[in-house]
PDB file of N, CA and C in Angstrom:
ATOM      1  N   UNK A   1     110.524  95.252  27.686  1.00  0.00           N
ATOM      2  CA  UNK A   1     111.951  95.352  27.850  1.00  0.00           C
ATOM      3  C   UNK A   1     112.313  96.178  29.083  1.00  0.00           C
ATOM      4  N   UNK A   2     111.580  97.274  29.305  1.00  0.00           N
ATOM      5  CA  UNK A   2     111.843  98.106  30.472  1.00  0.00           C
ATOM      6  C   UNK A   2     111.508  97.349  31.758  1.00  0.00           C
ATOM      7  N   UNK A   3     110.444  96.598  31.714  1.00  0.00           N
ATOM      8  CA  UNK A   3     110.060  95.829  32.896  1.00  0.00           C
ATOM      9  C   UNK A   3     111.140  94.814  33.230  1.00  0.00           C
ATOM     10  N   UNK A   4     111.672  94.173  32.209  1.00  0.00           N
ATOM     11  CA  UNK A   4     112.730  93.184  32.395  1.00  0.00           C
ATOM     12  C   UNK A   4     113.986  93.851  32.959  1.00  0.00           C
ATOM     13  N   UNK A   5     114.334  95.026  32.440  1.00  0.00           N
ATOM     14  CA  UNK A   5     115.501  95.758  32.919  1.00  0.00           C
ATOM     15  C   UNK A   5     115.318  96.162  34.384  1.00  0.00           C
ATOM     16  N   UNK A   6     114.125  96.587  34.734  1.00  0.00           N
ATOM     17  CA  UNK A   6     113.840  96.973  36.111  1.00  0.00           C
ATOM     18  C   UNK A   6     113.966  95.776  37.046  1.00  0.00           C
ATOM     19  N   UNK A   7     113.493  94.618  36.610  1.00  0.00           N
ATOM     20  CA  UNK A   7     113.592  93.409  37.422  1.00  0.00           C
ATOM     21  C   UNK A   7     115.052  93.006  37.593  1.00  0.00           C
ATOM     22  N   UNK A   8     115.818  93.052  36.523  1.00  0.00           N
ATOM     23  CA  UNK A   8     117.239  92.703  36.595  1.00  0.00           C
ATOM     24  C   UNK A   8     117.990  93.668  37.505  1.00  0.00           C
ATOM     25  N   UNK A   9     117.663  94.940  37.405  1.00  0.00           N
ATOM     26  CA  UNK A   9     118.306  95.942  38.250  1.00  0.00           C
ATOM     27  C   UNK A   9     117.956  95.699  39.720  1.00  0.00           C
ATOM     28  N   UNK A  10     116.698  95.391  39.993  1.00  0.00           N
ATOM     29  CA  UNK A  10     116.267  95.111  41.360  1.00  0.00           C
ATOM     30  C   UNK A  10     116.968  93.875  41.905  1.00  0.00           C
ATOM     31  N   UNK A  11     117.063  92.849  41.103  1.00  0.00           N
ATOM     32  CA  UNK A  11     117.745  91.616  41.521  1.00  0.00           C
ATOM     33  C   UNK A  11     119.216  91.890  41.760  1.00  0.00           C
ATOM     34  N   UNK A  12     119.824  92.730  40.966  1.00  0.00           N
ATOM     35  CA  UNK A  12     121.245  93.044  41.124  1.00  0.00           C
ATOM     36  C   UNK A  12     121.492  93.860  42.392  1.00  0.00           C
ATOM     37  N   UNK A  13     120.550  94.718  42.783  1.00  0.00           N
ATOM     38  CA  UNK A  13     120.738  95.567  43.959  1.00  0.00           C
ATOM     39  C   UNK A  13     120.421  94.863  45.265  1.00  0.00           C
ATOM     40  N   UNK A  14     119.653  93.799  45.237  1.00  0.00           N
ATOM     41  CA  UNK A  14     119.281  93.102  46.475  1.00  0.00           C
ATOM     42  C   UNK A  14     120.493  92.589  47.246  1.00  0.00           C
ATOM     43  N   UNK A  15     121.441  91.932  46.614  1.00  0.00           N
ATOM     44  CA  UNK A  15     122.606  91.476  47.391  1.00  0.00           C
ATOM     45  C   UNK A  15     123.391  92.643  47.989  1.00  0.00           C
ATOM     46  N   UNK A  16     123.398  93.775  47.304  1.00  0.00           N
ATOM     47  CA  UNK A  16     124.120  94.925  47.847  1.00  0.00           C
ATOM     48  C   UNK A  16     123.474  95.419  49.131  1.00  0.00           C
ATOM     49  N   UNK A  17     122.149  95.453  49.160  1.00  0.00           N
ATOM     50  CA  UNK A  17     121.481  95.902  50.387  1.00  0.00           C
ATOM     51  C   UNK A  17     121.711  94.897  51.508  1.00  0.00           C
ATOM     52  N   UNK A  18     121.768  93.624  51.174  1.00  0.00           N
ATOM     53  CA  UNK A  18     122.065  92.603  52.177  1.00  0.00           C
ATOM     54  C   UNK A  18     123.482  92.735  52.688  1.00  0.00           C
ATOM     55  N   UNK A  19     124.407  93.054  51.785  1.00  0.00           N
ATOM     56  CA  UNK A  19     125.801  93.225  52.183  1.00  0.00           C
ATOM     57  C   UNK A  19     125.946  94.424  53.106  1.00  0.00           C
ATOM     58  N   UNK A  20     125.209  95.491  52.821  1.00  0.00           N
ATOM     59  CA  UNK A  20     125.266  96.670  53.672  1.00  0.00           C
ATOM     60  C   UNK A  20     124.724  96.328  55.059  1.00  0.00           C
ATOM     61  N   UNK A  21     123.614  95.618  55.102  1.00  0.00           N
ATOM     62  CA  UNK A  21     123.030  95.227  56.382  1.00  0.00           C
ATOM     63  C   UNK A  21     123.978  94.312  57.142  1.00  0.00           C
ATOM     64  N   UNK A  22     124.608  93.403  56.451  1.00  0.00           N
ATOM     65  CA  UNK A  22     125.558  92.479  57.079  1.00  0.00           C
ATOM     66  C   UNK A  22     126.766  93.263  57.601  1.00  0.00           C
ATOM     67  N   UNK A  23     127.219  94.209  56.803  1.00  0.00           N
ATOM     68  CA  UNK A  23     128.353  95.037  57.227  1.00  0.00           C
ATOM     69  C   UNK A  23     128.026  95.826  58.478  1.00  0.00           C
ATOM     70  N   UNK A  24     126.809  96.321  58.551  1.00  0.00           N
ATOM     71  CA  UNK A  24     126.387  97.077  59.736  1.00  0.00           C
ATOM     72  C   UNK A  24     126.351  96.170  60.958  1.00  0.00           C
ATOM     73  N   UNK A  25     125.883  94.942  60.782  1.00  0.00           N
ATOM     74  CA  UNK A  25     125.834  93.990  61.899  1.00  0.00           C
ATOM     75  C   UNK A  25     127.244  93.674  62.393  1.00  0.00           C
ATOM     76  N   UNK A  26     128.159  93.513  61.455  1.00  0.00           N
ATOM     77  CA  UNK A  26     129.558  93.224  61.828  1.00  0.00           C
ATOM     78  C   UNK A  26     130.142  94.425  62.570  1.00  0.00           C
ATOM     79  N   UNK A  27     129.855  95.618  62.075  1.00  0.00           N
ATOM     80  CA  UNK A  27     130.354  96.823  62.731  1.00  0.00           C
ATOM     81  C   UNK A  27     129.785  96.957  64.140  1.00  0.00           C
ATOM     82  N   UNK A  28     128.505  96.683  64.290  1.00  0.00           N
ATOM     83  CA  UNK A  28     127.876  96.755  65.609  1.00  0.00           C
ATOM     84  C   UNK A  28     128.489  95.745  66.567  1.00  0.00           C
ATOM     85  N   UNK A  29     128.706  94.546  66.067  1.00  0.00           N
ATOM     86  CA  UNK A  29     129.295  93.499  66.910  1.00  0.00           C
ATOM     87  C   UNK A  29     130.723  93.873  67.317  1.00  0.00           C
ATOM     88  N   UNK A  30     131.472  94.408  66.356  1.00  0.00           N
ATOM     89  CA  UNK A  30     132.843  94.826  66.662  1.00  0.00           C
ATOM     90  C   UNK A  30     132.839  95.956  67.691  1.00  0.00           C
ATOM     91  N   UNK A  31     131.922  96.890  67.544  1.00  0.00           N
ATOM     92  CA  UNK A  31     131.824  98.000  68.494  1.00  0.00           C
ATOM     93  C   UNK A  31     131.483  97.493  69.892  1.00  0.00           C
ATOM     94  N   UNK A  32     130.569  96.538  69.976  1.00  0.00           N
ATOM     95  CA  UNK A  32     130.204  95.965  71.274  1.00  0.00           C
ATOM     96  C   UNK A  32     131.406  95.283  71.917  1.00  0.00           C
ATOM     97  N   UNK A  33     132.169  94.564  71.116  1.00  0.00           N
ATOM     98  CA  UNK A  33     133.349  93.873  71.641  1.00  0.00           C
ATOM     99  C   UNK A  33     134.387  94.875  72.134  1.00  0.00           C
ATOM    100  N   UNK A  34     134.583  95.937  71.364  1.00  0.00           N
ATOM    101  CA  UNK A  34     135.533  96.974  71.782  1.00  0.00           C
ATOM    102  C   UNK A  34     135.064  97.612  73.081  1.00  0.00           C
ATOM    103  N   UNK A  35     133.778  97.923  73.167  1.00  0.00           N
ATOM    104  CA  UNK A  35     133.241  98.517  74.397  1.00  0.00           C
ATOM    105  C   UNK A  35     133.435  97.585  75.587  1.00  0.00           C
ATOM    106  N   UNK A  36     133.218  96.294  75.368  1.00  0.00           N
ATOM    107  CA  UNK A  36     133.394  95.314  76.436  1.00  0.00           C
ATOM    108  C   UNK A  36     134.852  95.276  76.900  1.00  0.00           C
ATOM    109  N   UNK A  37     135.776  95.296  75.936  1.00  0.00           N
ATOM    110  CA  UNK A  37     137.195  95.269  76.286  1.00  0.00           C
ATOM    111  C   UNK A  37     137.609  96.545  77.013  1.00  0.00           C
ATOM    112  N   UNK A  38     137.052  97.673  76.599  1.00  0.00           N
ATOM    113  CA  UNK A  38     137.352  98.938  77.274  1.00  0.00           C
ATOM    114  C   UNK A  38     136.867  98.887  78.720  1.00  0.00           C
ATOM    115  N   UNK A  39     135.679  98.365  78.937  1.00  0.00           N
ATOM    116  CA  UNK A  39     135.151  98.252  80.299  1.00  0.00           C
ATOM    117  C   UNK A  39     136.023  97.332  81.149  1.00  0.00           C
ATOM    118  N   UNK A  40     136.480  96.226  80.550  1.00  0.00           N
ATOM    119  CA  UNK A  40     137.367  95.327  81.290  1.00  0.00           C
ATOM    120  C   UNK A  40     138.651  96.051  81.671  1.00  0.00           C
ATOM    121  N   UNK A  41     139.179  96.823  80.735  1.00  0.00           N
ATOM    122  CA  UNK A  41     140.402  97.587  81.006  1.00  0.00           C
ATOM    123  C   UNK A  41     140.193  98.603  82.111  1.00  0.00           C
ATOM    124  N   UNK A  42     139.076  99.307  82.075  1.00  0.00           N
ATOM    125  CA  UNK A  42     138.775 100.280  83.130  1.00  0.00           C
ATOM    126  C   UNK A  42     138.670  99.596  84.483  1.00  0.00           C
ATOM    127  N   UNK A  43     138.010  98.437  84.520  1.00  0.00           N
ATOM    128  CA  UNK A  43     137.863  97.707  85.775  1.00  0.00           C
ATOM    129  C   UNK A  43     139.214  97.247  86.302  1.00  0.00           C
ATOM    130  N   UNK A  44     140.077  96.791  85.383  1.00  0.00           N
ATOM    131  CA  UNK A  44     141.408  96.339  85.792  1.00  0.00           C
ATOM    132  C   UNK A  44     142.202  97.511  86.371  1.00  0.00           C
ATOM    133  N   UNK A  45     142.104  98.683  85.724  1.00  0.00           N
ATOM    134  CA  UNK A  45     142.801  99.865  86.224  1.00  0.00           C
ATOM    135  C   UNK A  45     142.266 100.250  87.601  1.00  0.00           C
ATOM    136  N   UNK A  46     140.953 100.242  87.750  1.00  0.00           N
ATOM    137  CA  UNK A  46     140.363 100.577  89.051  1.00  0.00           C
ATOM    138  C   UNK A  46     140.793  99.593  90.129  1.00  0.00           C
ATOM    139  N   UNK A  47     140.877  98.312  89.781  1.00  0.00           N
ATOM    140  CA  UNK A  47     141.334  97.306  90.745  1.00  0.00           C
ATOM    141  C   UNK A  47     142.774  97.581  91.172  1.00  0.00           C
ATOM    142  N   UNK A  48     143.615  97.937  90.207  1.00  0.00           N
ATOM    143  CA  UNK A  48     145.020  98.227  90.516  1.00  0.00           C
ATOM    144  C   UNK A  48     145.123  99.473  91.383  1.00  0.00           C
ATOM    145  N   UNK A  49     144.305 100.468  91.105  1.00  0.00           N
ATOM    146  CA  UNK A  49     144.297 101.684  91.926  1.00  0.00           C
ATOM    147  C   UNK A  49     143.889 101.343  93.351  1.00  0.00           C
ATOM    148  N   UNK A  50     142.849 100.518  93.494  1.00  0.00           N
ATOM    149  CA  UNK A  50     142.397 100.111  94.832  1.00  0.00           C
ATOM    150  C   UNK A  50     143.489  99.366  95.574  1.00  0.00           C
ATOM    151  N   UNK A  51     144.181  98.461  94.883  1.00  0.00           N
ATOM    152  CA  UNK A  51     145.281  97.722  95.518  1.00  0.00           C
ATOM    153  C   UNK A  51     146.369  98.679  95.975  1.00  0.00           C
ATOM    154  N   UNK A  52     146.706  99.641  95.110  1.00  0.00           N
ATOM    155  CA  UNK A  52     147.747 100.611  95.452  1.00  0.00           C
ATOM    156  C   UNK A  52     147.362 101.453  96.652  1.00  0.00           C
ATOM    157  N   UNK A  53     146.126 101.899  96.688  1.00  0.00           N
ATOM    158  CA  UNK A  53     145.672 102.695  97.824  1.00  0.00           C
ATOM    159  C   UNK A  53     145.701 101.884  99.110  1.00  0.00           C
ATOM    160  N   UNK A  54     145.299 100.630  99.031  1.00  0.00           N
ATOM    161  CA  UNK A  54     145.323  99.764 100.220  1.00  0.00           C
ATOM    162  C   UNK A  54     146.758  99.582 100.707  1.00  0.00           C
ATOM    163  N   UNK A  55     147.668  99.377  99.759  1.00  0.00           N
ATOM    164  CA  UNK A  55     149.066  99.195 100.128  1.00  0.00           C
ATOM    165  C   UNK A  55     149.625 100.463 100.785  1.00  0.00           C
ATOM    166  N   UNK A  56     149.254 101.620 100.236  1.00  0.00           N
ATOM    167  CA  UNK A  56     149.719 102.878 100.821  1.00  0.00           C
ATOM    168  C   UNK A  56     149.160 103.053 102.229  1.00  0.00           C
ATOM    169  N   UNK A  57     147.869 102.753 102.396  1.00  0.00           N
ATOM    170  CA  UNK A  57     147.254 102.858 103.723  1.00  0.00           C
ATOM    171  C   UNK A  57     147.939 101.928 104.719  1.00  0.00           C
ATOM    172  N   UNK A  58     148.270 100.715 104.281  1.00  0.00           N
ATOM    173  CA  UNK A  58     148.962  99.768 105.162  1.00  0.00           C
ATOM    174  C   UNK A  58     150.345 100.298 105.547  1.00  0.00           C
ATOM    175  N   UNK A  59     151.056 100.872 104.568  1.00  0.00           N
ATOM    176  CA  UNK A  59     152.392 101.412 104.841  1.00  0.00           C
ATOM    177  C   UNK A  59     152.305 102.588 105.811  1.00  0.00           C
ATOM    178  N   UNK A  60     151.300 103.446 105.624  1.00  0.00           N
ATOM    179  CA  UNK A  60     151.124 104.582 106.538  1.00  0.00           C
ATOM    180  C   UNK A  60     150.832 104.083 107.949  1.00  0.00           C
ATOM    181  N   UNK A  61     149.958 103.097 108.058  1.00  0.00           N
ATOM    182  CA  UNK A  61     149.628 102.533 109.371  1.00  0.00           C
ATOM    183  C   UNK A  61     150.875 101.943 110.025  1.00  0.00           C
ATOM    184  N   UNK A  62     151.666 101.208 109.253  1.00  0.00           N
ATOM    185  CA  UNK A  62     152.896 100.615 109.795  1.00  0.00           C
ATOM    186  C   UNK A  62     153.871 101.701 110.233  1.00  0.00           C
ATOM    187  N   UNK A  63     153.991 102.754 109.443  1.00  0.00           N
ATOM    188  CA  UNK A  63     154.899 103.847 109.794  1.00  0.00           C
ATOM    189  C   UNK A  63     154.423 104.539 111.064  1.00  0.00           C
ATOM    190  N   UNK A  64     153.117 104.760 111.183  1.00  0.00           N
ATOM    191  CA  UNK A  64     152.582 105.379 112.403  1.00  0.00           C
ATOM    192  C   UNK A  64     152.848 104.494 113.610  1.00  0.00           C
ATOM    193  N   UNK A  65     152.700 103.197 113.449  1.00  0.00           N
ATOM    194  CA  UNK A  65     152.972 102.271 114.555  1.00  0.00           C
ATOM    195  C   UNK A  65     154.439 102.335 114.964  1.00  0.00           C
ATOM    196  N   UNK A  66     155.336 102.382 113.971  1.00  0.00           N
ATOM    197  CA  UNK A  66     156.772 102.455 114.289  1.00  0.00           C
ATOM    198  C   UNK A  66     157.114 103.769 114.993  1.00  0.00           C
ATOM    199  N   UNK A  67     156.509 104.867 114.537  1.00  0.00           N
ATOM    200  CA  UNK A  67     156.760 106.159 115.178  1.00  0.00           C
ATOM    201  C   UNK A  67     156.233 106.128 116.613  1.00  0.00           C
ATOM    202  N   UNK A  68     155.043 105.601 116.793  1.00  0.00           N
ATOM    203  CA  UNK A  68     154.456 105.521 118.133  1.00  0.00           C
ATOM    204  C   UNK A  68     155.328 104.675 119.050  1.00  0.00           C
ATOM    205  N   UNK A  69     155.814 103.560 118.538  1.00  0.00           N
ATOM    206  CA  UNK A  69     156.687 102.697 119.328  1.00  0.00           C
ATOM    207  C   UNK A  69     157.988 103.419 119.660  1.00  0.00           C
ATOM    208  N   UNK A  70     158.509 104.167 118.700  1.00  0.00           N
ATOM    209  CA  UNK A  70     159.736 104.936 118.950  1.00  0.00           C
ATOM    210  C   UNK A  70     159.529 105.996 120.011  1.00  0.00           C
ATOM    211  N   UNK A  71     158.379 106.657 119.983  1.00  0.00           N
ATOM    212  CA  UNK A  71     158.070 107.668 121.000  1.00  0.00           C
ATOM    213  C   UNK A  71     157.965 107.002 122.367  1.00  0.00           C
ATOM    214  N   UNK A  72     157.293 105.879 122.435  1.00  0.00           N
ATOM    215  CA  UNK A  72     157.167 105.161 123.713  1.00  0.00           C
ATOM    216  C   UNK A  72     158.535 104.756 124.238  1.00  0.00           C
ATOM    217  N   UNK A  73     159.369 104.218 123.355  1.00  0.00           N
ATOM    218  CA  UNK A  73     160.715 103.806 123.770  1.00  0.00           C
ATOM    219  C   UNK A  73     161.528 105.002 124.249  1.00  0.00           C
ATOM    220  N   UNK A  74     161.398 106.131 123.558  1.00  0.00           N
ATOM    221  CA  UNK A  74     162.147 107.326 123.953  1.00  0.00           C
ATOM    222  C   UNK A  74     161.665 107.835 125.308  1.00  0.00           C
ATOM    223  N   UNK A  75     160.353 107.795 125.553  1.00  0.00           N
ATOM    224  CA  UNK A  75     159.824 108.234 126.847  1.00  0.00           C
ATOM    225  C   UNK A  75     160.326 107.328 127.965  1.00  0.00           C
ATOM    226  N   UNK A  76     160.323 106.027 127.729  1.00  0.00           N
ATOM    227  CA  UNK A  76     160.817 105.081 128.740  1.00  0.00           C
ATOM    228  C   UNK A  76     162.289 105.328 129.030  1.00  0.00           C
ATOM    229  N   UNK A  77     163.045 105.573 127.978  1.00  0.00           N
ATOM    230  CA  UNK A  77     164.481 105.832 128.147  1.00  0.00           C
ATOM    231  C   UNK A  77     164.700 107.131 128.921  1.00  0.00           C
ATOM    232  N   UNK A  78     163.888 108.156 128.600  1.00  0.00           N
ATOM    233  CA  UNK A  78     164.012 109.444 129.299  1.00  0.00           C
ATOM    234  C   UNK A  78     163.643 109.279 130.769  1.00  0.00           C
ATOM    235  N   UNK A  79     162.595 108.518 131.053  1.00  0.00           N
ATOM    236  CA  UNK A  79     162.187 108.286 132.443  1.00  0.00           C
ATOM    237  C   UNK A  79     163.261 107.513 133.201  1.00  0.00           C
ATOM    238  N   UNK A  80     163.865 106.558 132.521  1.00  0.00           N
ATOM    239  CA  UNK A  80     164.913 105.746 133.160  1.00  0.00           C
ATOM    240  C   UNK A  80     166.113 106.622 133.511  1.00  0.00           C
ATOM    241  N   UNK A  81     166.472 107.484 132.573  1.00  0.00           N
ATOM    242  CA  UNK A  81     167.623 108.369 132.822  1.00  0.00           C
ATOM    243  C   UNK A  81     167.284 109.390 133.911  1.00  0.00           C
ATOM    244  N   UNK A  82     166.062 109.890 133.904  1.00  0.00           N
ATOM    245  CA  UNK A  82     165.669 110.873 134.917  1.00  0.00           C
ATOM    246  C   UNK A  82     165.613 110.213 136.302  1.00  0.00           C
ATOM    247  N   UNK A  83     165.131 109.007 136.339  1.00  0.00           N
ATOM    248  CA  UNK A  83     165.037 108.282 137.611  1.00  0.00           C
ATOM    249  C   UNK A  83     166.389 107.857 138.124  1.00  0.00           C
ATOM    250  N   UNK A  84     167.297 107.536 137.250  1.00  0.00           N
ATOM    251  CA  UNK A  84     168.635 107.072 137.649  1.00  0.00           C
ATOM    252  C   UNK A  84     169.506 108.224 138.130  1.00  0.00           C
ATOM    253  N   UNK A  85     169.214 109.445 137.734  1.00  0.00           N
ATOM    254  CA  UNK A  85     170.009 110.586 138.119  1.00  0.00           C
ATOM    255  C   UNK A  85     169.637 111.104 139.494  1.00  0.00           C
ATOM    256  N   UNK A  86     168.545 110.674 140.074  1.00  0.00           N
ATOM    257  CA  UNK A  86     168.103 111.190 141.387  1.00  0.00           C
ATOM    258  C   UNK A  86     168.727 110.455 142.497  1.00  0.00           C
TER     259      UNK A  86
END
């Protein structure tokens, strides 16, 4: 009778151990998917940061060009006025 009870108990516990193992596999898979999505998000953020920095650099370059052109125009105007007054 004890042997039979032990066998029944063992048979009853086997599906539980399988369920635990299956649950762990599902948890691992879910964790991997979350990690993958987090990495994608980080990459997207880094890409946006790079785009923003490039845009800022372009704006700075354009502003420097406009300032340089303004200085050149002002020098030409000053030379013209100085030359016309003589």
